């Protein structure tokens, strides 16, 4: 997601506070490149812009992120059951799953939606690196300290962003309450690259 006003490129990984950041940058939630990877954005944009703009992203504890992702979609179940229309990924979740464990165990595929490719087991580091594993962004913030990290990032903008608001949240219990040991181990296995890259663990503060 490119913002010329700020001289910045934001790589929006799903469920990492990106809607709040996009709004602060004055960007629509319906941007066609909303969930593109850094490599996809680099390939699509002017090389001078890529080289000169400040590039950043946010990541999140993978166990917490998956709970948030499921809860966000599951809250729309009443509307879905009444005939509401949703994107391919949301429709698959609502039609195939009834529990969070279902979500972890039946959604193991890649979906191509209008706003980008979605896969619950795509490690967040894959959004931020090239084919050789080189990091393509200047700063990787953490959702767990969203406000502080965004303040640091904004120091590099050409123009100050708008106020950071809390948007697109979903109500759920502490993430640890959703996991059996087997499910927690499954996520640890599937997100081994993120755990190694960012040092997350299941026993992090569980909110």
Protein backbone atom coordinates (compact mmCIF):
# COMPACT_ATOMS: atom_id res chain seq x y z
CA UNK A 1 0.00 0.00 0.00
CA UNK A 2 1.74 3.14 -1.25
CA UNK A 3 1.07 6.58 0.24
CA UNK A 4 2.77 9.32 -1.74
CA UNK A 5 1.74 12.01 0.74
CA UNK A 6 3.82 10.38 3.44
CA UNK A 7 6.54 8.96 1.21
CA UNK A 8 5.84 5.52 2.66
CA UNK A 9 4.93 1.97 1.69
CA UNK A 10 2.90 -0.06 4.17
CA UNK A 11 2.79 -3.85 3.88
CA UNK A 12 -0.51 -4.83 5.47
CA UNK A 13 -0.41 -8.30 6.97
CA UNK A 14 -3.91 -9.43 7.94
CA UNK A 15 -4.96 -8.92 11.58
CA UNK A 16 -1.96 -6.89 12.70
CA UNK A 17 -3.63 -3.50 13.23
CA UNK A 18 -3.48 -2.62 9.55
CA UNK A 19 -6.94 -1.09 9.31
CA UNK A 20 -6.04 1.42 12.01
CA UNK A 21 -2.78 2.27 10.25
CA UNK A 22 -4.43 2.53 6.82
CA UNK A 23 -6.98 4.99 8.21
CA UNK A 24 -4.21 7.08 9.79
CA UNK A 25 -2.56 7.21 6.36
CA UNK A 26 -5.83 8.28 4.72
CA UNK A 27 -6.17 5.06 2.75
CA UNK A 28 -9.38 3.20 1.97
CA UNK A 29 -10.05 -0.25 3.44
CA UNK A 30 -10.83 -1.33 -0.15
CA UNK A 31 -7.41 -0.59 -1.68
CA UNK A 32 -6.70 -3.19 -4.42
CA UNK A 33 -3.18 -3.78 -3.05
CA UNK A 34 -4.37 -4.01 0.54
CA UNK A 35 -2.72 -7.32 1.38
CA UNK A 36 0.06 -7.51 -1.19
CA UNK A 37 3.43 -8.78 -0.07
CA UNK A 38 6.47 -6.52 -0.09
CA UNK A 39 7.80 -8.40 -3.10
CA UNK A 40 4.53 -7.91 -4.99
CA UNK A 41 4.55 -4.18 -4.23
CA UNK A 42 8.20 -3.86 -5.28
CA UNK A 43 7.50 -5.58 -8.58
CA UNK A 44 4.50 -3.34 -9.27
CA UNK A 45 5.83 0.10 -8.33
CA UNK A 46 8.35 2.52 -9.81
CA UNK A 47 11.90 1.48 -8.73
CA UNK A 48 12.65 5.06 -7.68
CA UNK A 49 9.61 5.10 -5.39
CA UNK A 50 10.53 1.74 -3.92
CA UNK A 51 14.09 2.85 -3.24
CA UNK A 52 13.22 6.24 -1.75
CA UNK A 53 10.02 5.58 0.25
CA UNK A 54 10.06 4.35 3.85
CA UNK A 55 8.79 0.77 3.96
CA UNK A 56 7.22 -0.79 7.04
CA UNK A 57 4.92 -3.52 8.32
CA UNK A 58 3.52 -4.93 11.54
CA UNK A 59 3.49 -8.51 12.79
CA UNK A 60 1.67 -10.22 15.65
CA UNK A 61 1.93 -13.24 17.92
CA UNK A 62 0.70 -16.01 15.57
CA UNK A 63 -1.48 -17.72 18.19
CA UNK A 64 -3.22 -14.41 18.99
CA UNK A 65 -3.45 -13.44 15.33
CA UNK A 66 -5.29 -16.62 14.35
CA UNK A 67 -7.82 -16.23 17.17
CA UNK A 68 -8.46 -12.64 16.10
CA UNK A 69 -8.82 -13.65 12.45
CA UNK A 70 -11.32 -16.38 13.24
CA UNK A 71 -13.32 -14.22 15.67
CA UNK A 72 -13.55 -11.41 13.13
CA UNK A 73 -15.14 -13.73 10.60
CA UNK A 74 -17.23 -15.77 13.02
CA UNK A 75 -18.98 -12.64 14.29
CA UNK A 76 -20.60 -12.39 10.84
CA UNK A 77 -22.13 -15.88 11.05
CA UNK A 78 -25.71 -14.63 11.69
CA UNK A 79 -25.55 -12.43 8.59
CA UNK A 80 -24.08 -15.30 6.55
CA UNK A 81 -26.84 -17.66 7.65
CA UNK A 82 -29.39 -15.07 6.55
CA UNK A 83 -27.93 -14.97 3.04
CA UNK A 84 -25.30 -12.28 3.38
CA UNK A 85 -22.52 -12.07 0.79
CA UNK A 86 -18.86 -12.37 1.76
CA UNK A 87 -15.53 -12.81 0.00
CA UNK A 88 -14.19 -16.27 -0.92
CA UNK A 89 -12.11 -16.71 2.20
CA UNK A 90 -14.82 -15.57 4.61
CA UNK A 91 -17.40 -17.73 2.86
CA UNK A 92 -15.17 -20.78 3.17
CA UNK A 93 -14.61 -20.18 6.88
CA UNK A 94 -18.30 -19.66 7.60
CA UNK A 95 -19.42 -22.66 5.56
CA UNK A 96 -16.78 -25.15 6.77
CA UNK A 97 -16.18 -24.31 10.41
CA UNK A 98 -18.14 -24.14 13.63
CA UNK A 99 -15.24 -23.87 16.08
CA UNK A 100 -11.78 -22.36 16.25
CA UNK A 101 -10.25 -25.84 16.09
CA UNK A 102 -12.19 -26.42 12.85
CA UNK A 103 -10.65 -23.22 11.52
CA UNK A 104 -7.12 -24.44 12.25
CA UNK A 105 -7.70 -27.88 10.79
CA UNK A 106 -9.92 -27.31 7.73
CA UNK A 107 -8.68 -24.02 6.27
CA UNK A 108 -5.31 -25.32 5.06
CA UNK A 109 -5.35 -23.81 1.58
CA UNK A 110 -4.65 -20.60 -0.30
CA UNK A 111 -7.45 -18.24 -1.33
CA UNK A 112 -7.14 -15.53 -3.95
CA UNK A 113 -9.43 -12.62 -3.11
CA UNK A 114 -9.74 -9.17 -4.62
CA UNK A 115 -7.53 -7.64 -1.93
CA UNK A 116 -4.79 -10.26 -2.08
CA UNK A 117 -3.91 -13.87 -1.35
CA UNK A 118 -5.01 -15.29 2.00
CA UNK A 119 -3.71 -18.33 3.82
CA UNK A 120 -3.94 -18.79 7.58
CA UNK A 121 -0.63 -20.65 7.59
CA UNK A 122 1.33 -18.20 5.50
CA UNK A 123 4.03 -16.97 7.87
CA UNK A 124 4.11 -13.21 8.29
CA UNK A 125 7.80 -13.12 7.43
CA UNK A 126 6.82 -14.29 3.93
CA UNK A 127 5.03 -10.97 3.38
CA UNK A 128 8.23 -9.08 4.14
CA UNK A 129 11.04 -10.91 2.34
CA UNK A 130 12.21 -11.69 -1.19
CA UNK A 131 12.67 -15.18 -2.64
CA UNK A 132 16.08 -15.43 -0.97
CA UNK A 133 14.72 -14.50 2.46
CA UNK A 134 16.11 -10.94 2.50
CA UNK A 135 14.02 -8.45 4.47
CA UNK A 136 12.49 -5.85 2.14
CA UNK A 137 11.11 -3.36 4.68
CA UNK A 138 12.89 -0.79 6.81
CA UNK A 139 10.95 -1.41 10.01
CA UNK A 140 8.88 -4.27 11.41
CA UNK A 141 6.58 -3.09 14.18
CA UNK A 142 4.58 -5.27 16.52
CA UNK A 143 0.85 -5.12 17.06
CA UNK A 144 1.49 -5.66 20.77
CA UNK A 145 3.06 -2.17 20.89
CA UNK A 146 1.20 -0.65 17.95
CA UNK A 147 0.98 2.97 19.11
CA UNK A 148 4.60 3.27 20.20
CA UNK A 149 6.00 1.61 17.09
CA UNK A 150 3.78 3.64 14.76
CA UNK A 151 4.98 6.83 16.44
CA UNK A 152 8.56 5.78 15.72
CA UNK A 153 7.71 4.90 12.11
CA UNK A 154 5.91 8.22 11.54
CA UNK A 155 9.15 10.11 12.25
CA UNK A 156 10.25 9.02 8.76
CA UNK A 157 7.17 10.31 6.92
CA UNK A 158 7.14 13.41 4.71
CA UNK A 159 3.90 14.51 6.37
CA UNK A 160 2.53 13.47 9.78
CA UNK A 161 -0.24 10.84 9.70
CA UNK A 162 -3.68 11.18 11.18
CA UNK A 163 -4.56 9.95 14.64
CA UNK A 164 -4.27 6.23 15.20
CA UNK A 165 -7.72 4.83 15.99
CA UNK A 166 -8.78 1.35 17.07
CA UNK A 167 -10.59 -0.14 14.06
CA UNK A 168 -11.75 -3.53 12.74
CA UNK A 169 -11.44 -5.27 16.09
CA UNK A 170 -13.21 -8.47 17.10
CA UNK A 171 -14.41 -9.50 20.53
CA UNK A 172 -12.88 -12.67 21.94
CA UNK A 173 -11.45 -14.13 25.12
CA UNK A 174 -7.73 -14.30 25.87
CA UNK A 175 -6.26 -16.29 23.02
CA UNK A 176 -4.89 -19.07 25.23
CA UNK A 177 -8.45 -20.10 26.11
CA UNK A 178 -9.11 -21.20 22.52
CA UNK A 179 -6.30 -23.72 22.26
CA UNK A 180 -5.91 -27.36 23.11
CA UNK A 181 -2.31 -28.47 23.43
CA UNK A 182 -2.56 -30.20 20.06
CA UNK A 183 -3.85 -27.04 18.37
CA UNK A 184 -1.19 -24.89 20.01
CA UNK A 185 1.48 -27.33 18.84
CA UNK A 186 0.05 -27.27 15.32
CA UNK A 187 0.41 -23.50 15.17
CA UNK A 188 3.94 -23.71 16.57
CA UNK A 189 4.85 -26.13 13.80
CA UNK A 190 3.21 -24.15 11.01
CA UNK A 191 4.56 -20.79 12.23
CA UNK A 192 8.09 -21.93 12.97
CA UNK A 193 9.56 -19.25 10.70
CA UNK A 194 7.71 -16.42 12.45
CA UNK A 195 8.58 -17.78 15.88
CA UNK A 196 12.24 -17.91 14.93
CA UNK A 197 12.24 -14.50 13.24
CA UNK A 198 10.28 -12.54 15.85
CA UNK A 199 10.71 -14.53 19.06
CA UNK A 200 7.03 -15.12 19.80
CA UNK A 201 5.84 -17.88 22.10
CA UNK A 202 2.50 -19.30 23.16
CA UNK A 203 3.10 -18.10 26.72
CA UNK A 204 3.29 -14.41 25.74
CA UNK A 205 0.83 -12.10 27.49
CA UNK A 206 -2.45 -13.62 26.35
CA UNK A 207 -4.82 -10.87 25.24
